[in-house]
Structures are given as structure tokens and as C-alpha cells.
Amino acid sequence: GAKDYIQITVKFEPQANVKVGKLSYPKSELVTLLDEKVPVFQKPFRLMQEVTVLGSLKSGATVPVKGTVEWQACDDKVCYAPESADVTWTLNVK
């Protein structure tokens, strides 16, 4: 919710058989950063996002889900360049 900063996000690659829900964030902490109050995550946190496999699949099938996590880190003196990392999960159908 802060202007001029990059919020952490997870962006999934589109797939015909996967539906991705809204990303849910934990409660942030309001801190003074570079002379302004900014909502931040200072401690370990978890982002939640529902992923639904569409269609009927046989037990034992796997569905790869790929995406990118993007974020920007700051400390009390400087905000660093935005970064990203590719992520992959494999969903197992039971």
C-alpha cells in the first residue's frame, strides 16, 4: 500500500488446467523508513494463495506450477533494487 515501493508479489505462468486465486498478505507493521511511515514485513511471514487444478486427473498425476516472486528490500538507510526469483511447485493428485 505504500507509494514508490515494490510490494512483494507472486505471479504465476498461465496454464489451462490451473486456476490461481487472490494473493493474501499477513498484517504488516508500520515503520519509519527514509523519513516516511511505510507498511513493512520485518519478521518471517507467509503469503497464501489458493491454486486449483481444473479437470479430472488420475491419482498419481503431477501438475507443475511455475511462477515468479518479486520484491524490494529496504533498511533504515536505503532501498535496494527490486529483485525476483523463479519458483516451481509440483502438485501431486491423490
PDB file of N, CA and C in Angstrom:
ATOM      1  N   GLY A   1       0.785  -1.200   0.000  1.00  0.00           N
ATOM      2  CA  GLY A   1       0.000   0.000   0.000  1.00  0.00           C
ATOM      3  C   GLY A   1       0.833   1.274   0.000  1.00  0.00           C
ATOM      4  N   ALA A   2       2.140   1.177   0.058  1.00  0.00           N
ATOM      5  CA  ALA A   2       2.995   2.366   0.058  1.00  0.00           C
ATOM      6  C   ALA A   2       3.339   2.767  -1.369  1.00  0.00           C
ATOM      7  N   LYS A   3       3.336   4.059  -1.634  1.00  0.00           N
ATOM      8  CA  LYS A   3       3.707   4.534  -2.960  1.00  0.00           C
ATOM      9  C   LYS A   3       5.229   4.514  -3.099  1.00  0.00           C
ATOM     10  N   ASP A   4       5.692   4.334  -4.320  1.00  0.00           N
ATOM     11  CA  ASP A   4       7.120   4.385  -4.665  1.00  0.00           C
ATOM     12  C   ASP A   4       7.929   3.201  -4.148  1.00  0.00           C
ATOM     13  N   TYR A   5       7.277   2.138  -3.685  1.00  0.00           N
ATOM     14  CA  TYR A   5       7.972   0.932  -3.247  1.00  0.00           C
ATOM     15  C   TYR A   5       7.363  -0.260  -3.977  1.00  0.00           C
ATOM     16  N   ILE A   6       8.142  -1.316  -4.145  1.00  0.00           N
ATOM     17  CA  ILE A   6       7.670  -2.520  -4.816  1.00  0.00           C
ATOM     18  C   ILE A   6       7.155  -3.496  -3.754  1.00  0.00           C
ATOM     19  N   GLN A   7       5.892  -3.840  -3.833  1.00  0.00           N
ATOM     20  CA  GLN A   7       5.292  -4.806  -2.909  1.00  0.00           C
ATOM     21  C   GLN A   7       5.680  -6.224  -3.336  1.00  0.00           C
ATOM     22  N   ILE A   8       5.883  -7.121  -2.385  1.00  0.00           N
ATOM     23  CA  ILE A   8       6.181  -8.499  -2.742  1.00  0.00           C
ATOM     24  C   ILE A   8       4.963  -9.112  -3.431  1.00  0.00           C
ATOM     25  N   THR A   9       5.203  -9.802  -4.541  1.00  0.00           N
ATOM     26  CA  THR A   9       4.127 -10.432  -5.302  1.00  0.00           C
ATOM     27  C   THR A   9       4.563 -11.809  -5.780  1.00  0.00           C
ATOM     28  N   VAL A  10       3.581 -12.631  -6.082  1.00  0.00           N
ATOM     29  CA  VAL A  10       3.815 -13.919  -6.724  1.00  0.00           C
ATOM     30  C   VAL A  10       2.994 -13.906  -7.997  1.00  0.00           C
ATOM     31  N   LYS A  11       3.653 -14.091  -9.126  1.00  0.00           N
ATOM     32  CA  LYS A  11       2.964 -14.111 -10.413  1.00  0.00           C
ATOM     33  C   LYS A  11       3.143 -15.492 -11.031  1.00  0.00           C
ATOM     34  N   PHE A  12       2.017 -16.137 -11.332  1.00  0.00           N
ATOM     35  CA  PHE A  12       2.047 -17.480 -11.900  1.00  0.00           C
ATOM     36  C   PHE A  12       1.994 -17.426 -13.421  1.00  0.00           C
ATOM     37  N   GLU A  13       2.695 -18.362 -14.058  1.00  0.00           N
ATOM     38  CA  GLU A  13       2.587 -18.508 -15.500  1.00  0.00           C
ATOM     39  C   GLU A  13       1.209 -19.085 -15.805  1.00  0.00           C
ATOM     40  N   PRO A  14       0.502 -18.545 -16.796  1.00  0.00           N
ATOM     41  CA  PRO A  14      -0.829 -19.065 -17.127  1.00  0.00           C
ATOM     42  C   PRO A  14      -0.769 -20.522 -17.582  1.00  0.00           C
ATOM     43  N   GLN A  15      -1.718 -21.312 -17.105  1.00  0.00           N
ATOM     44  CA  GLN A  15      -1.840 -22.707 -17.501  1.00  0.00           C
ATOM     45  C   GLN A  15      -3.319 -23.022 -17.671  1.00  0.00           C
ATOM     46  N   ALA A  16      -3.644 -23.792 -18.698  1.00  0.00           N
ATOM     47  CA  ALA A  16      -5.041 -24.108 -18.992  1.00  0.00           C
ATOM     48  C   ALA A  16      -5.708 -24.887 -17.859  1.00  0.00           C
ATOM     49  N   ASN A  17      -4.963 -25.726 -17.158  1.00  0.00           N
ATOM     50  CA  ASN A  17      -5.572 -26.591 -16.139  1.00  0.00           C
ATOM     51  C   ASN A  17      -5.329 -26.118 -14.704  1.00  0.00           C
ATOM     52  N   VAL A  18      -4.906 -24.870 -14.524  1.00  0.00           N
ATOM     53  CA  VAL A  18      -4.642 -24.345 -13.185  1.00  0.00           C
ATOM     54  C   VAL A  18      -5.315 -22.978 -13.028  1.00  0.00           C
ATOM     55  N   LYS A  19      -6.077 -22.838 -11.951  1.00  0.00           N
ATOM     56  CA  LYS A  19      -6.707 -21.560 -11.618  1.00  0.00           C
ATOM     57  C   LYS A  19      -6.044 -21.027 -10.353  1.00  0.00           C
ATOM     58  N   VAL A  20      -5.624 -19.776 -10.386  1.00  0.00           N
ATOM     59  CA  VAL A  20      -4.920 -19.169  -9.262  1.00  0.00           C
ATOM     60  C   VAL A  20      -5.821 -18.125  -8.612  1.00  0.00           C
ATOM     61  N   GLY A  21      -5.952 -18.210  -7.282  1.00  0.00           N
ATOM     62  CA  GLY A  21      -6.765 -17.261  -6.536  1.00  0.00           C
ATOM     63  C   GLY A  21      -5.983 -16.007  -6.158  1.00  0.00           C
ATOM     64  N   LYS A  22      -6.629 -15.177  -5.366  1.00  0.00           N
ATOM     65  CA  LYS A  22      -6.042 -13.905  -4.931  1.00  0.00           C
ATOM     66  C   LYS A  22      -4.941 -14.149  -3.884  1.00  0.00           C
ATOM     67  N   LEU A  23      -3.867 -13.393  -3.983  1.00  0.00           N
ATOM     68  CA  LEU A  23      -2.761 -13.477  -3.037  1.00  0.00           C
ATOM     69  C   LEU A  23      -3.164 -12.807  -1.730  1.00  0.00           C
ATOM     70  N   SER A  24      -2.951 -13.505  -0.619  1.00  0.00           N
ATOM     71  CA  SER A  24      -3.315 -12.997   0.702  1.00  0.00           C
ATOM     72  C   SER A  24      -2.049 -12.666   1.490  1.00  0.00           C
ATOM     73  N   TYR A  25      -2.011 -11.451   2.027  1.00  0.00           N
ATOM     74  CA  TYR A  25      -0.851 -10.967   2.774  1.00  0.00           C
ATOM     75  C   TYR A  25      -1.125 -10.999   4.276  1.00  0.00           C
ATOM     76  N   PRO A  26      -0.100 -11.217   5.094  1.00  0.00           N
ATOM     77  CA  PRO A  26      -0.273 -11.073   6.548  1.00  0.00           C
ATOM     78  C   PRO A  26      -0.345  -9.590   6.900  1.00  0.00           C
ATOM     79  N   LYS A  27      -0.650  -9.318   8.139  1.00  0.00           N
ATOM     80  CA  LYS A  27      -0.671  -7.929   8.598  1.00  0.00           C
ATOM     81  C   LYS A  27       0.757  -7.379   8.612  1.00  0.00           C
ATOM     82  N   SER A  28       0.915  -6.182   8.085  1.00  0.00           N
ATOM     83  CA  SER A  28       2.237  -5.543   8.056  1.00  0.00           C
ATOM     84  C   SER A  28       2.422  -4.679   9.299  1.00  0.00           C
ATOM     85  N   GLU A  29       3.667  -4.244   9.499  1.00  0.00           N
ATOM     86  CA  GLU A  29       4.000  -3.330  10.589  1.00  0.00           C
ATOM     87  C   GLU A  29       4.289  -1.963   9.987  1.00  0.00           C
ATOM     88  N   LEU A  30       3.844  -0.904  10.638  1.00  0.00           N
ATOM     89  CA  LEU A  30       4.109   0.449  10.163  1.00  0.00           C
ATOM     90  C   LEU A  30       5.397   0.942  10.811  1.00  0.00           C
ATOM     91  N   VAL A  31       6.402   1.258   9.980  1.00  0.00           N
ATOM     92  CA  VAL A  31       7.687   1.738  10.482  1.00  0.00           C
ATOM     93  C   VAL A  31       8.093   3.005   9.735  1.00  0.00           C
ATOM     94  N   THR A  32       9.010   3.751  10.321  1.00  0.00           N
ATOM     95  CA  THR A  32       9.551   4.924   9.643  1.00  0.00           C
ATOM     96  C   THR A  32      10.731   4.469   8.801  1.00  0.00           C
ATOM     97  N   LEU A  33      10.622   4.727   7.513  1.00  0.00           N
ATOM     98  CA  LEU A  33      11.636   4.286   6.558  1.00  0.00           C
ATOM     99  C   LEU A  33      11.974   5.467   5.668  1.00  0.00           C
ATOM    100  N   LEU A  34      13.210   5.892   5.690  1.00  0.00           N
ATOM    101  CA  LEU A  34      13.648   7.026   4.873  1.00  0.00           C
ATOM    102  C   LEU A  34      12.747   8.238   5.100  1.00  0.00           C
ATOM    103  N   ASP A  35      12.471   8.527   6.367  1.00  0.00           N
ATOM    104  CA  ASP A  35      11.682   9.690   6.806  1.00  0.00           C
ATOM    105  C   ASP A  35      10.199   9.651   6.432  1.00  0.00           C
ATOM    106  N   GLU A  36       9.648   8.462   6.198  1.00  0.00           N
ATOM    107  CA  GLU A  36       8.206   8.350   5.982  1.00  0.00           C
ATOM    108  C   GLU A  36       7.703   7.044   6.596  1.00  0.00           C
ATOM    109  N   LYS A  37       6.439   7.009   6.960  1.00  0.00           N
ATOM    110  CA  LYS A  37       5.838   5.809   7.549  1.00  0.00           C
ATOM    111  C   LYS A  37       5.421   4.875   6.420  1.00  0.00           C
ATOM    112  N   VAL A  38       5.885   3.615   6.513  1.00  0.00           N
ATOM    113  CA  VAL A  38       5.675   2.644   5.449  1.00  0.00           C
ATOM    114  C   VAL A  38       5.271   1.298   6.065  1.00  0.00           C
ATOM    115  N   PRO A  39       4.268   0.593   5.475  1.00  0.00           N
ATOM    116  CA  PRO A  39       3.943  -0.746   5.957  1.00  0.00           C
ATOM    117  C   PRO A  39       4.991  -1.749   5.454  1.00  0.00           C
ATOM    118  N   VAL A  40       5.546  -2.557   6.371  1.00  0.00           N
ATOM    119  CA  VAL A  40       6.614  -3.497   6.004  1.00  0.00           C
ATOM    120  C   VAL A  40       6.401  -4.841   6.691  1.00  0.00           C
ATOM    121  N   PHE A  41       7.141  -5.838   6.197  1.00  0.00           N
ATOM    122  CA  PHE A  41       7.244  -7.145   6.841  1.00  0.00           C
ATOM    123  C   PHE A  41       8.677  -7.259   7.335  1.00  0.00           C
ATOM    124  N   GLN A  42       8.881  -7.284   8.659  1.00  0.00           N
ATOM    125  CA  GLN A  42      10.229  -7.339   9.225  1.00  0.00           C
ATOM    126  C   GLN A  42      10.608  -8.729   9.705  1.00  0.00           C
ATOM    127  N   LYS A  43       9.615  -9.554   9.989  1.00  0.00           N
ATOM    128  CA  LYS A  43       9.853 -10.895  10.532  1.00  0.00           C
ATOM    129  C   LYS A  43       9.466 -11.912   9.464  1.00  0.00           C
ATOM    130  N   PRO A  44       9.859 -13.168   9.648  1.00  0.00           N
ATOM    131  CA  PRO A  44       9.417 -14.184   8.671  1.00  0.00           C
ATOM    132  C   PRO A  44       7.891 -14.145   8.536  1.00  0.00           C
ATOM    133  N   PHE A  45       7.414 -14.320   7.306  1.00  0.00           N
ATOM    134  CA  PHE A  45       5.979 -14.257   7.044  1.00  0.00           C
ATOM    135  C   PHE A  45       5.629 -15.256   5.949  1.00  0.00           C
ATOM    136  N   ARG A  46       4.333 -15.496   5.795  1.00  0.00           N
ATOM    137  CA  ARG A  46       3.850 -16.441   4.805  1.00  0.00           C
ATOM    138  C   ARG A  46       2.799 -15.761   3.930  1.00  0.00           C
ATOM    139  N   LEU A  47       2.953 -15.900   2.625  1.00  0.00           N
ATOM    140  CA  LEU A  47       1.944 -15.447   1.678  1.00  0.00           C
ATOM    141  C   LEU A  47       1.078 -16.661   1.338  1.00  0.00           C
ATOM    142  N   MET A  48      -0.225 -16.448   1.236  1.00  0.00           N
ATOM    143  CA  MET A  48      -1.139 -17.550   0.941  1.00  0.00           C
ATOM    144  C   MET A  48      -1.861 -17.251  -0.370  1.00  0.00           C
ATOM    145  N   GLN A  49      -1.993 -18.294  -1.201  1.00  0.00           N
ATOM    146  CA  GLN A  49      -2.694 -18.143  -2.470  1.00  0.00           C
ATOM    147  C   GLN A  49      -3.239 -19.512  -2.871  1.00  0.00           C
ATOM    148  N   GLU A  50      -4.544 -19.571  -3.082  1.00  0.00           N
ATOM    149  CA  GLU A  50      -5.165 -20.842  -3.454  1.00  0.00           C
ATOM    150  C   GLU A  50      -4.885 -21.145  -4.922  1.00  0.00           C
ATOM    151  N   VAL A  51      -4.511 -22.398  -5.178  1.00  0.00           N
ATOM    152  CA  VAL A  51      -4.278 -22.876  -6.537  1.00  0.00           C
ATOM    153  C   VAL A  51      -5.183 -24.090  -6.736  1.00  0.00           C
ATOM    154  N   THR A  52      -6.011 -24.046  -7.789  1.00  0.00           N
ATOM    155  CA  THR A  52      -6.954 -25.135  -8.063  1.00  0.00           C
ATOM    156  C   THR A  52      -6.601 -25.786  -9.387  1.00  0.00           C
ATOM    157  N   VAL A  53      -6.517 -27.134  -9.365  1.00  0.00           N
ATOM    158  CA  VAL A  53      -6.283 -27.885 -10.591  1.00  0.00           C
ATOM    159  C   VAL A  53      -7.645 -28.156 -11.221  1.00  0.00           C
ATOM    160  N   LEU A  54      -7.806 -27.774 -12.476  1.00  0.00           N
ATOM    161  CA  LEU A  54      -9.075 -27.930 -13.180  1.00  0.00           C
ATOM    162  C   LEU A  54      -9.081 -29.217 -14.000  1.00  0.00           C
ATOM    163  N   GLY A  55     -10.260 -29.792 -14.162  1.00  0.00           N
ATOM    164  CA  GLY A  55     -10.382 -31.023 -14.946  1.00  0.00           C
ATOM    165  C   GLY A  55     -10.152 -32.231 -14.079  1.00  0.00           C
ATOM    166  N   SER A  56     -10.382 -33.386 -14.667  1.00  0.00           N
ATOM    167  CA  SER A  56     -10.192 -34.622 -13.908  1.00  0.00           C
ATOM    168  C   SER A  56      -8.843 -35.234 -14.257  1.00  0.00           C
ATOM    169  N   LEU A  57      -8.104 -35.554 -13.243  1.00  0.00           N
ATOM    170  CA  LEU A  57      -6.796 -36.172 -13.408  1.00  0.00           C
ATOM    171  C   LEU A  57      -6.764 -37.473 -12.616  1.00  0.00           C
ATOM    172  N   LYS A  58      -6.014 -38.416 -13.093  1.00  0.00           N
ATOM    173  CA  LYS A  58      -5.897 -39.699 -12.411  1.00  0.00           C
ATOM    174  C   LYS A  58      -5.009 -39.559 -11.182  1.00  0.00           C
ATOM    175  N   SER A  59      -5.285 -40.401 -10.196  1.00  0.00           N
ATOM    176  CA  SER A  59      -4.457 -40.438  -9.000  1.00  0.00           C
ATOM    177  C   SER A  59      -3.015 -40.734  -9.394  1.00  0.00           C
ATOM    178  N   GLY A  60      -2.091 -39.986  -8.823  1.00  0.00           N
ATOM    179  CA  GLY A  60      -0.677 -40.155  -9.139  1.00  0.00           C
ATOM    180  C   GLY A  60      -0.168 -39.168 -10.174  1.00  0.00           C
ATOM    181  N   ALA A  61      -1.087 -38.471 -10.836  1.00  0.00           N
ATOM    182  CA  ALA A  61      -0.663 -37.468 -11.823  1.00  0.00           C
ATOM    183  C   ALA A  61      -0.002 -36.291 -11.103  1.00  0.00           C
ATOM    184  N   THR A  62       0.871 -35.603 -11.802  1.00  0.00           N
ATOM    185  CA  THR A  62       1.512 -34.413 -11.247  1.00  0.00           C
ATOM    186  C   THR A  62       1.216 -33.210 -12.142  1.00  0.00           C
ATOM    187  N   VAL A  63       1.131 -32.048 -11.515  1.00  0.00           N
ATOM    188  CA  VAL A  63       0.886 -30.806 -12.239  1.00  0.00           C
ATOM    189  C   VAL A  63       1.954 -29.799 -11.810  1.00  0.00           C
ATOM    190  N   PRO A  64       2.843 -29.413 -12.727  1.00  0.00           N
ATOM    191  CA  PRO A  64       3.839 -28.397 -12.374  1.00  0.00           C
ATOM    192  C   PRO A  64       3.200 -27.006 -12.384  1.00  0.00           C
ATOM    193  N   VAL A  65       3.558 -26.199 -11.406  1.00  0.00           N
ATOM    194  CA  VAL A  65       3.076 -24.830 -11.317  1.00  0.00           C
ATOM    195  C   VAL A  65       4.316 -23.941 -11.231  1.00  0.00           C
ATOM    196  N   LYS A  66       4.412 -22.998 -12.164  1.00  0.00           N
ATOM    197  CA  LYS A  66       5.595 -22.132 -12.223  1.00  0.00           C
ATOM    198  C   LYS A  66       5.192 -20.681 -12.046  1.00  0.00           C
ATOM    199  N   GLY A  67       6.097 -19.919 -11.458  1.00  0.00           N
ATOM    200  CA  GLY A  67       5.828 -18.503 -11.271  1.00  0.00           C
ATOM    201  C   GLY A  67       7.088 -17.737 -10.929  1.00  0.00           C
ATOM    202  N   THR A  68       6.872 -16.484 -10.546  1.00  0.00           N
ATOM    203  CA  THR A  68       7.970 -15.596 -10.176  1.00  0.00           C
ATOM    204  C   THR A  68       7.580 -14.818  -8.927  1.00  0.00           C
ATOM    205  N   VAL A  69       8.488 -14.753  -7.967  1.00  0.00           N
ATOM    206  CA  VAL A  69       8.308 -13.918  -6.775  1.00  0.00           C
ATOM    207  C   VAL A  69       9.127 -12.654  -7.005  1.00  0.00           C
ATOM    208  N   GLU A  70       8.475 -11.502  -6.818  1.00  0.00           N
ATOM    209  CA  GLU A  70       9.158 -10.212  -6.989  1.00  0.00           C
ATOM    210  C   GLU A  70       9.067  -9.431  -5.680  1.00  0.00           C
ATOM    211  N   TRP A  71      10.147  -8.720  -5.316  1.00  0.00           N
ATOM    212  CA  TRP A  71      10.165  -7.974  -4.063  1.00  0.00           C
ATOM    213  C   TRP A  71      11.194  -6.862  -4.108  1.00  0.00           C
ATOM    214  N   GLN A  72      11.110  -5.986  -3.121  1.00  0.00           N
ATOM    215  CA  GLN A  72      12.120  -4.945  -2.919  1.00  0.00           C
ATOM    216  C   GLN A  72      12.405  -4.871  -1.424  1.00  0.00           C
ATOM    217  N   ALA A  73      13.651  -4.961  -1.043  1.00  0.00           N
ATOM    218  CA  ALA A  73      14.053  -4.889   0.355  1.00  0.00           C
ATOM    219  C   ALA A  73      14.614  -3.500   0.662  1.00  0.00           C
ATOM    220  N   CYS A  74      14.370  -3.057   1.882  1.00  0.00           N
ATOM    221  CA  CYS A  74      14.897  -1.772   2.339  1.00  0.00           C
ATOM    222  C   CYS A  74      15.450  -1.935   3.751  1.00  0.00           C
ATOM    223  N   ASP A  75      16.379  -1.071   4.130  1.00  0.00           N
ATOM    224  CA  ASP A  75      16.784  -0.981   5.528  1.00  0.00           C
ATOM    225  C   ASP A  75      16.548   0.462   5.964  1.00  0.00           C
ATOM    226  N   ASP A  76      17.099   0.867   7.100  1.00  0.00           N
ATOM    227  CA  ASP A  76      16.803   2.211   7.605  1.00  0.00           C
ATOM    228  C   ASP A  76      17.499   3.328   6.824  1.00  0.00           C
ATOM    229  N   LYS A  77      18.360   2.975   5.859  1.00  0.00           N
ATOM    230  CA  LYS A  77      19.089   4.000   5.119  1.00  0.00           C
ATOM    231  C   LYS A  77      18.827   3.988   3.612  1.00  0.00           C
ATOM    232  N   VAL A  78      18.516   2.824   3.052  1.00  0.00           N
ATOM    233  CA  VAL A  78      18.417   2.713   1.598  1.00  0.00           C
ATOM    234  C   VAL A  78      17.425   1.617   1.198  1.00  0.00           C
ATOM    235  N   CYS A  79      16.797   1.805   0.040  1.00  0.00           N
ATOM    236  CA  CYS A  79      16.001   0.749  -0.568  1.00  0.00           C
ATOM    237  C   CYS A  79      16.817   0.167  -1.717  1.00  0.00           C
ATOM    238  N   TYR A  80      16.902  -1.133  -1.758  1.00  0.00           N
ATOM    239  CA  TYR A  80      17.707  -1.816  -2.752  1.00  0.00           C
ATOM    240  C   TYR A  80      16.905  -2.004  -4.037  1.00  0.00           C
ATOM    241  N   ALA A  81      17.603  -2.305  -5.105  1.00  0.00           N
ATOM    242  CA  ALA A  81      16.944  -2.531  -6.395  1.00  0.00           C
ATOM    243  C   ALA A  81      15.965  -3.707  -6.276  1.00  0.00           C
ATOM    244  N   PRO A  82      14.825  -3.634  -6.945  1.00  0.00           N
ATOM    245  CA  PRO A  82      13.884  -4.758  -6.925  1.00  0.00           C
ATOM    246  C   PRO A  82      14.554  -6.029  -7.442  1.00  0.00           C
ATOM    247  N   GLU A  83      14.128  -7.168  -6.884  1.00  0.00           N
ATOM    248  CA  GLU A  83      14.669  -8.468  -7.288  1.00  0.00           C
ATOM    249  C   GLU A  83      13.527  -9.413  -7.592  1.00  0.00           C
ATOM    250  N   SER A  84      13.864 -10.539  -8.221  1.00  0.00           N
ATOM    251  CA  SER A  84      12.871 -11.570  -8.492  1.00  0.00           C
ATOM    252  C   SER A  84      13.547 -12.932  -8.494  1.00  0.00           C
ATOM    253  N   ALA A  85      12.729 -13.962  -8.278  1.00  0.00           N
ATOM    254  CA  ALA A  85      13.226 -15.338  -8.306  1.00  0.00           C
ATOM    255  C   ALA A  85      12.146 -16.224  -8.909  1.00  0.00           C
ATOM    256  N   ASP A  86      12.551 -17.107  -9.803  1.00  0.00           N
ATOM    257  CA  ASP A  86      11.619 -18.079 -10.362  1.00  0.00           C
ATOM    258  C   ASP A  86      11.350 -19.155  -9.325  1.00  0.00           C
ATOM    259  N   VAL A  87      10.092 -19.597  -9.237  1.00  0.00           N
ATOM    260  CA  VAL A  87       9.709 -20.651  -8.302  1.00  0.00           C
ATOM    261  C   VAL A  87       8.893 -21.704  -9.044  1.00  0.00           C
ATOM    262  N   THR A  88       8.989 -22.939  -8.575  1.00  0.00           N
ATOM    263  CA  THR A  88       8.244 -24.053  -9.176  1.00  0.00           C
ATOM    264  C   THR A  88       7.751 -24.973  -8.079  1.00  0.00           C
ATOM    265  N   TRP A  89       6.482 -25.372  -8.186  1.00  0.00           N
ATOM    266  CA  TRP A  89       5.911 -26.376  -7.296  1.00  0.00           C
ATOM    267  C   TRP A  89       5.389 -27.514  -8.153  1.00  0.00           C
ATOM    268  N   THR A  90       5.366 -28.708  -7.600  1.00  0.00           N
ATOM    269  CA  THR A  90       4.736 -29.833  -8.266  1.00  0.00           C
ATOM    270  C   THR A  90       3.592 -30.306  -7.394  1.00  0.00           C
ATOM    271  N   LEU A  91       2.371 -30.231  -7.929  1.00  0.00           N
ATOM    272  CA  LEU A  91       1.191 -30.691  -7.205  1.00  0.00           C
ATOM    273  C   LEU A  91       0.958 -32.149  -7.546  1.00  0.00           C
ATOM    274  N   ASN A  92       0.785 -32.987  -6.528  1.00  0.00           N
ATOM    275  CA  ASN A  92       0.517 -34.407  -6.711  1.00  0.00           C
ATOM    276  C   ASN A  92      -0.953 -34.689  -6.508  1.00  0.00           C
ATOM    277  N   VAL A  93      -1.584 -35.330  -7.493  1.00  0.00           N
ATOM    278  CA  VAL A  93      -3.002 -35.674  -7.411  1.00  0.00           C
ATOM    279  C   VAL A  93      -3.126 -36.978  -6.644  1.00  0.00           C
ATOM    280  N   LYS A  94      -4.006 -36.996  -5.639  1.00  0.00           N
ATOM    281  CA  LYS A  94      -4.210 -38.214  -4.838  1.00  0.00           C
ATOM    282  C   LYS A  94      -5.539 -38.837  -5.145  1.00  0.00           C
TER     283      LYS A  94
END
